Amino acid sequence: MFKRETAVTKSPASPSVTSLGYDAGMEIAERPTEELIRLTPFAATKVKELMAEEPDAESLVLRVAIQGGGCSGFQYGLGFDSGAAEGDHELELEGVHVVVDPYSAPYLQGATIDFLTGLQESGFKIDNPNAVSSCGCGHSFQVAEGEELPEGTSLGGCGSGCSH
């Protein structure tokens, strides 16, 4: 049998009030939350190279989004945009201004965008911890059952040339 002990102290801020384990002198600090998305240095370098080829490069942002579609339910969208829209999450990652719309953000939370240059695979690759399965092409993914598509999207075939 265990005996639970609770320290009872008087709060210095209000000596007439008894509190359990509260120290009014204790400072509460916010902990940083997990980054919405990460961009690897390789991916950032490639984005900067591609962006530099655009005539209005200085004003462009990288938009990262998900859309309904693809053979697994969702597909990723990466592209340049003229700026952030109302409600977008704005991030500065590895020197690249990145925006994510509020509908895509929950599906991309914790994702890492990389750029690969190998024999088997080359191009942008997104490692998404929210994806429970993905298509062989890597451009389409599925989330846990019960997740809903963002407004204005629908399921469709894989538009990346994948045979699925």
N, C-alpha and C. Protein backbone atom coordinates (compact mmCIF):
# COMPACT_ATOMS: atom_id res chain seq x y z
N MET A 1 0.84 -1.18 0.00
CA MET A 1 0.00 0.00 0.00
C MET A 1 0.88 1.23 0.00
N PHE A 2 0.56 2.18 -0.91
CA PHE A 2 1.34 3.40 -1.03
C PHE A 2 0.57 4.56 -0.43
N LYS A 3 1.32 5.44 0.19
CA LYS A 3 0.73 6.64 0.76
C LYS A 3 1.12 7.81 -0.13
N ARG A 4 0.14 8.55 -0.61
CA ARG A 4 0.41 9.70 -1.45
C ARG A 4 0.55 10.93 -0.58
N GLU A 5 1.67 11.63 -0.78
CA GLU A 5 1.91 12.85 -0.02
C GLU A 5 1.78 14.04 -0.95
N THR A 6 1.10 15.06 -0.51
CA THR A 6 0.92 16.26 -1.29
C THR A 6 1.41 17.44 -0.47
N ALA A 7 2.27 18.24 -1.10
CA ALA A 7 2.78 19.42 -0.41
C ALA A 7 1.76 20.53 -0.53
N VAL A 8 1.42 21.13 0.57
CA VAL A 8 0.49 22.25 0.57
C VAL A 8 1.27 23.48 1.00
N THR A 9 1.22 24.50 0.15
CA THR A 9 1.94 25.72 0.48
C THR A 9 1.00 26.89 0.34
N LYS A 10 1.36 27.97 0.96
CA LYS A 10 0.61 29.21 0.80
C LYS A 10 1.25 29.98 -0.35
N SER A 11 0.44 30.46 -1.25
CA SER A 11 0.94 31.22 -2.38
C SER A 11 1.42 32.57 -1.90
N PRO A 12 2.67 32.94 -2.25
CA PRO A 12 3.18 34.25 -1.83
C PRO A 12 2.36 35.40 -2.40
N ALA A 13 1.76 35.21 -3.55
CA ALA A 13 0.98 36.28 -4.16
C ALA A 13 -0.29 36.53 -3.37
N SER A 14 -0.83 35.50 -2.77
CA SER A 14 -2.06 35.63 -2.01
C SER A 14 -1.97 34.68 -0.81
N PRO A 15 -1.40 35.15 0.31
CA PRO A 15 -1.16 34.29 1.46
C PRO A 15 -2.41 33.65 2.04
N SER A 16 -3.57 34.19 1.76
CA SER A 16 -4.78 33.60 2.34
C SER A 16 -5.30 32.43 1.50
N VAL A 17 -4.74 32.24 0.29
CA VAL A 17 -5.19 31.16 -0.57
C VAL A 17 -4.21 30.00 -0.49
N THR A 18 -4.72 28.82 -0.25
CA THR A 18 -3.88 27.63 -0.19
C THR A 18 -3.87 26.97 -1.56
N SER A 19 -2.68 26.59 -2.05
CA SER A 19 -2.59 25.93 -3.35
C SER A 19 -1.78 24.65 -3.20
N LEU A 20 -1.98 23.77 -4.13
CA LEU A 20 -1.24 22.50 -4.12
C LEU A 20 -0.07 22.58 -5.07
N GLY A 21 1.13 22.67 -4.56
CA GLY A 21 2.33 22.63 -5.37
C GLY A 21 2.50 23.79 -6.32
N TYR A 22 1.86 24.89 -6.10
CA TYR A 22 1.99 26.04 -7.00
C TYR A 22 2.99 27.00 -6.42
N ASP A 23 3.90 27.44 -7.25
CA ASP A 23 4.89 28.42 -6.83
C ASP A 23 4.69 29.66 -7.69
N ALA A 24 4.18 30.73 -7.08
CA ALA A 24 3.88 31.95 -7.82
C ALA A 24 5.14 32.56 -8.42
N GLY A 25 6.28 32.21 -7.90
CA GLY A 25 7.53 32.73 -8.44
C GLY A 25 8.02 31.95 -9.64
N MET A 26 7.34 30.84 -9.95
CA MET A 26 7.78 30.01 -11.06
C MET A 26 7.40 30.67 -12.38
N GLU A 27 8.34 30.69 -13.28
CA GLU A 27 8.09 31.27 -14.59
C GLU A 27 7.63 30.18 -15.54
N ILE A 28 6.62 30.48 -16.32
CA ILE A 28 6.12 29.53 -17.30
C ILE A 28 6.62 29.97 -18.67
N ALA A 29 7.33 29.09 -19.34
CA ALA A 29 7.86 29.43 -20.66
C ALA A 29 7.18 28.56 -21.70
N GLU A 30 6.89 29.15 -22.84
CA GLU A 30 6.30 28.38 -23.92
C GLU A 30 7.36 27.49 -24.53
N ARG A 31 6.99 26.24 -24.81
CA ARG A 31 7.90 25.34 -25.49
C ARG A 31 7.67 25.48 -26.98
N PRO A 32 8.76 25.46 -27.77
CA PRO A 32 8.56 25.57 -29.21
C PRO A 32 7.83 24.33 -29.72
N THR A 33 6.88 24.54 -30.61
CA THR A 33 6.16 23.41 -31.17
C THR A 33 6.95 22.87 -32.35
N GLU A 34 6.63 21.66 -32.74
CA GLU A 34 7.30 21.05 -33.88
C GLU A 34 7.09 21.93 -35.11
N GLU A 35 8.13 22.04 -35.92
CA GLU A 35 8.01 22.81 -37.15
C GLU A 35 6.90 22.25 -38.02
N LEU A 36 6.21 23.12 -38.71
CA LEU A 36 5.17 22.68 -39.62
C LEU A 36 5.78 21.77 -40.67
N ILE A 37 6.77 22.26 -41.40
CA ILE A 37 7.50 21.44 -42.36
C ILE A 37 8.98 21.80 -42.29
N ARG A 38 9.81 20.92 -42.81
CA ARG A 38 11.25 21.15 -42.89
C ARG A 38 11.66 21.11 -44.35
N LEU A 39 12.64 21.89 -44.70
CA LEU A 39 13.22 21.91 -46.03
C LEU A 39 14.70 21.60 -45.84
N THR A 40 15.19 20.51 -46.46
CA THR A 40 16.60 20.17 -46.29
C THR A 40 17.46 21.17 -47.07
N PRO A 41 18.73 21.28 -46.72
CA PRO A 41 19.61 22.17 -47.47
C PRO A 41 19.67 21.83 -48.97
N PHE A 42 19.64 20.54 -49.32
CA PHE A 42 19.65 20.14 -50.74
C PHE A 42 18.40 20.64 -51.45
N ALA A 43 17.25 20.49 -50.82
CA ALA A 43 15.99 20.95 -51.41
C ALA A 43 16.00 22.47 -51.55
N ALA A 44 16.48 23.16 -50.52
CA ALA A 44 16.53 24.62 -50.56
C ALA A 44 17.42 25.11 -51.70
N THR A 45 18.55 24.46 -51.90
CA THR A 45 19.45 24.84 -52.99
C THR A 45 18.76 24.68 -54.34
N LYS A 46 18.05 23.56 -54.53
CA LYS A 46 17.36 23.33 -55.79
C LYS A 46 16.23 24.33 -56.00
N VAL A 47 15.48 24.63 -54.95
CA VAL A 47 14.40 25.61 -55.06
C VAL A 47 14.97 26.96 -55.45
N LYS A 48 16.09 27.36 -54.84
CA LYS A 48 16.71 28.65 -55.16
C LYS A 48 17.19 28.68 -56.61
N GLU A 49 17.75 27.56 -57.09
CA GLU A 49 18.19 27.48 -58.49
C GLU A 49 17.01 27.65 -59.43
N LEU A 50 15.93 26.93 -59.16
CA LEU A 50 14.74 27.00 -60.02
C LEU A 50 14.09 28.37 -59.96
N MET A 51 14.08 28.95 -58.77
CA MET A 51 13.47 30.26 -58.57
C MET A 51 14.26 31.33 -59.33
N ALA A 52 15.59 31.19 -59.35
CA ALA A 52 16.45 32.17 -60.02
C ALA A 52 16.19 32.22 -61.52
N GLU A 53 15.66 31.16 -62.09
CA GLU A 53 15.34 31.11 -63.52
C GLU A 53 14.06 31.87 -63.86
N GLU A 54 13.28 32.22 -62.85
CA GLU A 54 12.01 32.92 -63.05
C GLU A 54 12.27 34.43 -63.16
N PRO A 55 11.56 35.13 -64.06
CA PRO A 55 11.78 36.58 -64.23
C PRO A 55 11.46 37.41 -62.98
N ASP A 56 10.49 36.99 -62.19
CA ASP A 56 10.11 37.74 -60.99
C ASP A 56 10.54 37.02 -59.72
N ALA A 57 11.72 36.42 -59.74
CA ALA A 57 12.22 35.56 -58.66
C ALA A 57 12.19 36.22 -57.28
N GLU A 58 12.48 37.52 -57.21
CA GLU A 58 12.56 38.19 -55.91
C GLU A 58 11.24 38.22 -55.18
N SER A 59 10.14 38.18 -55.91
CA SER A 59 8.83 38.29 -55.27
C SER A 59 8.14 36.93 -55.09
N LEU A 60 8.77 35.85 -55.50
CA LEU A 60 8.13 34.54 -55.45
C LEU A 60 8.30 33.85 -54.10
N VAL A 61 7.34 32.99 -53.79
CA VAL A 61 7.41 32.12 -52.61
C VAL A 61 7.20 30.69 -53.07
N LEU A 62 7.64 29.74 -52.29
CA LEU A 62 7.38 28.33 -52.57
C LEU A 62 6.10 27.95 -51.86
N ARG A 63 5.10 27.54 -52.62
CA ARG A 63 3.83 27.10 -52.03
C ARG A 63 3.86 25.58 -51.95
N VAL A 64 3.62 25.06 -50.73
CA VAL A 64 3.53 23.62 -50.49
C VAL A 64 2.10 23.33 -50.11
N ALA A 65 1.48 22.37 -50.80
CA ALA A 65 0.07 22.08 -50.55
C ALA A 65 -0.21 20.60 -50.78
N ILE A 66 -1.37 20.19 -50.35
CA ILE A 66 -1.88 18.87 -50.70
C ILE A 66 -3.21 19.08 -51.39
N GLN A 67 -3.54 18.15 -52.25
CA GLN A 67 -4.79 18.21 -52.98
C GLN A 67 -5.40 16.83 -52.99
N GLY A 68 -6.70 16.77 -53.10
CA GLY A 68 -7.34 15.48 -53.30
C GLY A 68 -6.97 15.00 -54.68
N GLY A 69 -6.68 13.72 -54.79
CA GLY A 69 -6.29 13.17 -56.09
C GLY A 69 -5.16 12.19 -55.91
N GLY A 70 -4.62 11.76 -56.98
CA GLY A 70 -3.56 10.77 -56.91
C GLY A 70 -4.17 9.41 -56.64
N CYS A 71 -3.41 8.38 -56.87
CA CYS A 71 -3.96 7.03 -56.75
C CYS A 71 -4.16 6.62 -55.30
N SER A 72 -3.59 7.35 -54.35
CA SER A 72 -3.75 6.98 -52.95
C SER A 72 -4.67 7.91 -52.18
N GLY A 73 -5.21 8.94 -52.80
CA GLY A 73 -6.16 9.81 -52.11
C GLY A 73 -5.76 11.26 -52.07
N PHE A 74 -4.50 11.55 -51.79
CA PHE A 74 -3.98 12.91 -51.77
C PHE A 74 -2.75 12.97 -52.66
N GLN A 75 -2.45 14.14 -53.17
CA GLN A 75 -1.18 14.32 -53.86
C GLN A 75 -0.56 15.64 -53.41
N TYR A 76 0.76 15.70 -53.49
CA TYR A 76 1.49 16.88 -53.07
C TYR A 76 1.54 17.90 -54.20
N GLY A 77 1.57 19.14 -53.82
CA GLY A 77 1.75 20.21 -54.78
C GLY A 77 2.87 21.13 -54.32
N LEU A 78 3.87 21.32 -55.17
CA LEU A 78 4.97 22.26 -54.93
C LEU A 78 5.01 23.20 -56.12
N GLY A 79 5.05 24.47 -55.86
CA GLY A 79 5.13 25.41 -56.97
C GLY A 79 5.40 26.81 -56.47
N PHE A 80 5.74 27.67 -57.40
CA PHE A 80 6.00 29.06 -57.05
C PHE A 80 4.71 29.85 -57.11
N ASP A 81 4.59 30.80 -56.21
CA ASP A 81 3.41 31.64 -56.13
C ASP A 81 3.88 33.08 -55.95
N SER A 82 3.00 34.02 -56.26
CA SER A 82 3.37 35.44 -56.17
C SER A 82 3.40 35.96 -54.75
N GLY A 83 2.90 35.19 -53.80
CA GLY A 83 2.92 35.63 -52.41
C GLY A 83 1.96 34.81 -51.57
N ALA A 84 1.91 35.14 -50.32
CA ALA A 84 1.04 34.44 -49.38
C ALA A 84 -0.39 34.93 -49.54
N ALA A 85 -1.33 34.04 -49.33
CA ALA A 85 -2.74 34.38 -49.32
C ALA A 85 -3.19 34.52 -47.87
N GLU A 86 -4.35 35.11 -47.67
CA GLU A 86 -4.87 35.29 -46.32
C GLU A 86 -5.01 33.94 -45.63
N GLY A 87 -4.49 33.84 -44.41
CA GLY A 87 -4.58 32.62 -43.62
C GLY A 87 -3.42 31.66 -43.82
N ASP A 88 -2.57 31.90 -44.81
CA ASP A 88 -1.43 31.02 -45.05
C ASP A 88 -0.45 31.04 -43.89
N HIS A 89 0.20 29.92 -43.66
CA HIS A 89 1.32 29.84 -42.73
C HIS A 89 2.55 30.28 -43.52
N GLU A 90 3.29 31.24 -43.01
CA GLU A 90 4.47 31.73 -43.70
C GLU A 90 5.71 31.32 -42.92
N LEU A 91 6.65 30.69 -43.63
CA LEU A 91 7.86 30.18 -43.00
C LEU A 91 9.08 30.63 -43.78
N GLU A 92 10.17 30.80 -43.09
CA GLU A 92 11.45 31.07 -43.73
C GLU A 92 12.32 29.85 -43.43
N LEU A 93 12.56 29.01 -44.44
CA LEU A 93 13.27 27.75 -44.26
C LEU A 93 14.50 27.71 -45.15
N GLU A 94 15.66 27.65 -44.56
CA GLU A 94 16.92 27.56 -45.30
C GLU A 94 17.04 28.68 -46.34
N GLY A 95 16.54 29.87 -45.98
CA GLY A 95 16.64 31.00 -46.89
C GLY A 95 15.56 31.03 -47.97
N VAL A 96 14.55 30.17 -47.87
CA VAL A 96 13.46 30.13 -48.83
C VAL A 96 12.17 30.53 -48.12
N HIS A 97 11.43 31.47 -48.73
CA HIS A 97 10.14 31.87 -48.17
C HIS A 97 9.12 30.83 -48.62
N VAL A 98 8.52 30.11 -47.65
CA VAL A 98 7.59 29.01 -47.92
C VAL A 98 6.23 29.37 -47.34
N VAL A 99 5.17 29.05 -48.08
CA VAL A 99 3.81 29.25 -47.58
C VAL A 99 3.03 27.94 -47.68
N VAL A 100 2.17 27.71 -46.69
CA VAL A 100 1.32 26.53 -46.63
C VAL A 100 -0.09 27.00 -46.29
N ASP A 101 -1.07 26.58 -47.10
CA ASP A 101 -2.44 27.01 -46.83
C ASP A 101 -2.98 26.30 -45.59
N PRO A 102 -3.98 26.89 -44.92
CA PRO A 102 -4.49 26.33 -43.66
C PRO A 102 -5.14 24.96 -43.81
N TYR A 103 -5.63 24.60 -45.01
CA TYR A 103 -6.24 23.28 -45.20
C TYR A 103 -5.18 22.19 -45.31
N SER A 104 -4.04 22.52 -45.91
CA SER A 104 -2.97 21.54 -46.09
C SER A 104 -2.12 21.35 -44.84
N ALA A 105 -2.03 22.37 -44.02
CA ALA A 105 -1.12 22.35 -42.87
C ALA A 105 -1.26 21.12 -41.98
N PRO A 106 -2.46 20.70 -41.56
CA PRO A 106 -2.54 19.53 -40.68
C PRO A 106 -2.02 18.24 -41.32
N TYR A 107 -2.14 18.14 -42.64
CA TYR A 107 -1.69 16.94 -43.34
C TYR A 107 -0.18 16.95 -43.58
N LEU A 108 0.43 18.12 -43.48
CA LEU A 108 1.86 18.26 -43.72
C LEU A 108 2.67 18.44 -42.43
N GLN A 109 2.01 18.53 -41.29
CA GLN A 109 2.68 18.76 -40.01
C GLN A 109 3.83 17.77 -39.81
N GLY A 110 5.04 18.27 -39.68
CA GLY A 110 6.20 17.43 -39.42
C GLY A 110 6.85 16.86 -40.67
N ALA A 111 6.36 17.19 -41.85
CA ALA A 111 6.91 16.65 -43.10
C ALA A 111 8.25 17.30 -43.43
N THR A 112 9.09 16.53 -44.14
CA THR A 112 10.39 17.02 -44.59
C THR A 112 10.43 16.95 -46.11
N ILE A 113 10.83 18.05 -46.72
CA ILE A 113 10.98 18.10 -48.18
C ILE A 113 12.46 18.02 -48.49
N ASP A 114 12.82 17.05 -49.31
CA ASP A 114 14.21 16.82 -49.68
C ASP A 114 14.31 16.83 -51.21
N PHE A 115 15.53 16.92 -51.71
CA PHE A 115 15.77 16.79 -53.14
C PHE A 115 16.81 15.71 -53.34
N LEU A 116 16.45 14.69 -54.12
CA LEU A 116 17.32 13.55 -54.35
C LEU A 116 17.89 13.57 -55.75
N THR A 117 19.12 13.12 -55.89
CA THR A 117 19.75 13.00 -57.21
C THR A 117 20.46 11.66 -57.27
N GLY A 118 19.71 10.60 -57.38
CA GLY A 118 20.29 9.26 -57.42
C GLY A 118 19.88 8.52 -58.67
N LEU A 119 20.42 7.32 -58.84
CA LEU A 119 20.08 6.49 -59.99
C LEU A 119 18.64 6.02 -59.93
N GLN A 120 18.18 5.64 -58.76
CA GLN A 120 16.83 5.11 -58.60
C GLN A 120 15.77 6.19 -58.48
N GLU A 121 16.16 7.29 -57.89
CA GLU A 121 15.18 8.34 -57.59
C GLU A 121 15.84 9.69 -57.72
N SER A 122 15.18 10.61 -58.40
CA SER A 122 15.67 11.99 -58.41
C SER A 122 14.47 12.92 -58.45
N GLY A 123 14.65 14.06 -57.83
CA GLY A 123 13.58 15.04 -57.74
C GLY A 123 13.22 15.31 -56.29
N PHE A 124 12.17 16.10 -56.10
CA PHE A 124 11.73 16.44 -54.76
C PHE A 124 11.01 15.23 -54.15
N LYS A 125 11.30 14.99 -52.89
CA LYS A 125 10.66 13.89 -52.16
C LYS A 125 10.17 14.43 -50.83
N ILE A 126 8.95 14.08 -50.48
CA ILE A 126 8.37 14.54 -49.22
C ILE A 126 8.22 13.35 -48.29
N ASP A 127 8.86 13.43 -47.14
CA ASP A 127 8.73 12.41 -46.10
C ASP A 127 7.68 12.94 -45.13
N ASN A 128 6.51 12.31 -45.15
CA ASN A 128 5.36 12.81 -44.39
C ASN A 128 4.97 11.81 -43.29
N PRO A 129 5.14 12.17 -42.02
CA PRO A 129 4.78 11.26 -40.94
C PRO A 129 3.27 11.02 -40.82
N ASN A 130 2.46 11.82 -41.50
CA ASN A 130 1.01 11.67 -41.45
C ASN A 130 0.49 10.67 -42.47
N ALA A 131 1.32 10.29 -43.41
CA ALA A 131 0.91 9.35 -44.46
C ALA A 131 0.99 7.92 -43.92
N VAL A 132 -0.13 7.20 -44.01
CA VAL A 132 -0.13 5.80 -43.56
C VAL A 132 0.25 4.86 -44.70
N SER A 133 0.10 5.33 -45.95
CA SER A 133 0.57 4.58 -47.11
C SER A 133 0.79 5.56 -48.24
N SER A 134 1.60 5.14 -49.21
CA SER A 134 1.82 6.01 -50.35
C SER A 134 1.93 5.18 -51.61
N CYS A 135 1.76 5.85 -52.72
CA CYS A 135 1.80 5.23 -54.03
C CYS A 135 3.25 4.91 -54.39
N GLY A 136 3.45 4.02 -55.30
CA GLY A 136 4.79 3.68 -55.75
C GLY A 136 5.52 4.86 -56.36
N CYS A 137 4.78 5.82 -56.91
CA CYS A 137 5.42 6.98 -57.54
C CYS A 137 5.90 7.99 -56.50
N GLY A 138 5.37 7.92 -55.27
CA GLY A 138 5.79 8.85 -54.22
C GLY A 138 5.12 10.20 -54.27
N HIS A 139 4.24 10.42 -55.25
CA HIS A 139 3.56 11.71 -55.37
C HIS A 139 2.17 11.69 -54.76
N SER A 140 1.76 10.55 -54.29
CA SER A 140 0.40 10.39 -53.78
C SER A 140 0.48 9.65 -52.44
N PHE A 141 -0.43 9.98 -51.52
CA PHE A 141 -0.41 9.34 -50.21
C PHE A 141 -1.80 9.25 -49.63
N GLN A 142 -1.90 8.47 -48.57
CA GLN A 142 -3.17 8.27 -47.88
C GLN A 142 -2.95 8.55 -46.40
N VAL A 143 -3.94 9.13 -45.74
CA VAL A 143 -3.87 9.39 -44.30
C VAL A 143 -4.75 8.38 -43.57
N ALA A 144 -4.73 8.42 -42.25
CA ALA A 144 -5.51 7.49 -41.43
C ALA A 144 -6.99 7.59 -41.76
N GLU A 145 -7.69 6.49 -41.60
CA GLU A 145 -9.13 6.46 -41.85
C GLU A 145 -9.83 7.53 -41.05
N GLY A 146 -10.85 8.12 -41.63
CA GLY A 146 -11.61 9.15 -40.93
C GLY A 146 -11.14 10.55 -41.25
N GLU A 147 -9.96 10.70 -41.87
CA GLU A 147 -9.49 12.02 -42.25
C GLU A 147 -10.30 12.48 -43.46
N GLU A 148 -10.63 13.75 -43.50
CA GLU A 148 -11.42 14.29 -44.60
C GLU A 148 -10.55 15.08 -45.55
N LEU A 149 -10.97 15.14 -46.81
CA LEU A 149 -10.28 15.95 -47.80
C LEU A 149 -10.50 17.42 -47.49
N PRO A 150 -9.51 18.27 -47.80
CA PRO A 150 -9.73 19.70 -47.64
C PRO A 150 -10.86 20.15 -48.57
N GLU A 151 -11.52 21.25 -48.19
CA GLU A 151 -12.62 21.78 -48.99
C GLU A 151 -12.18 22.01 -50.42
N GLY A 152 -13.07 21.71 -51.37
CA GLY A 152 -12.79 21.98 -52.77
C GLY A 152 -11.93 20.96 -53.46
N THR A 153 -11.64 19.83 -52.83
CA THR A 153 -10.82 18.81 -53.47
C THR A 153 -11.64 17.55 -53.66
N SER A 154 -11.16 16.70 -54.56
CA SER A 154 -11.84 15.44 -54.79
C SER A 154 -10.82 14.39 -55.14
N LEU A 155 -11.18 13.13 -55.02
CA LEU A 155 -10.27 12.04 -55.35
C LEU A 155 -10.19 11.91 -56.85
N GLY A 156 -9.04 11.46 -57.33
CA GLY A 156 -8.87 11.29 -58.76
C GLY A 156 -7.69 10.40 -59.03
N GLY A 157 -7.37 10.21 -60.29
CA GLY A 157 -6.25 9.37 -60.66
C GLY A 157 -4.93 10.07 -60.43
N CYS A 158 -3.89 9.30 -60.45
CA CYS A 158 -2.54 9.83 -60.25
C CYS A 158 -2.14 10.61 -61.50
N GLY A 159 -1.85 11.86 -61.34
CA GLY A 159 -1.50 12.68 -62.48
C GLY A 159 -0.01 12.70 -62.76
N SER A 160 0.79 11.89 -62.11
CA SER A 160 2.23 11.98 -62.27
C SER A 160 2.79 10.95 -63.23
N GLY A 161 1.95 10.24 -63.91
CA GLY A 161 2.45 9.24 -64.84
C GLY A 161 2.66 7.88 -64.21
N CYS A 162 2.28 7.74 -62.98
CA CYS A 162 2.41 6.47 -62.28
C CYS A 162 1.37 5.50 -62.83
N SER A 163 1.66 4.24 -62.81
CA SER A 163 0.76 3.25 -63.40
C SER A 163 -0.33 2.82 -62.43
N HIS A 164 -0.45 3.45 -61.27
CA HIS A 164 -1.45 3.04 -60.28
C HIS A 164 -2.76 3.75 -60.50
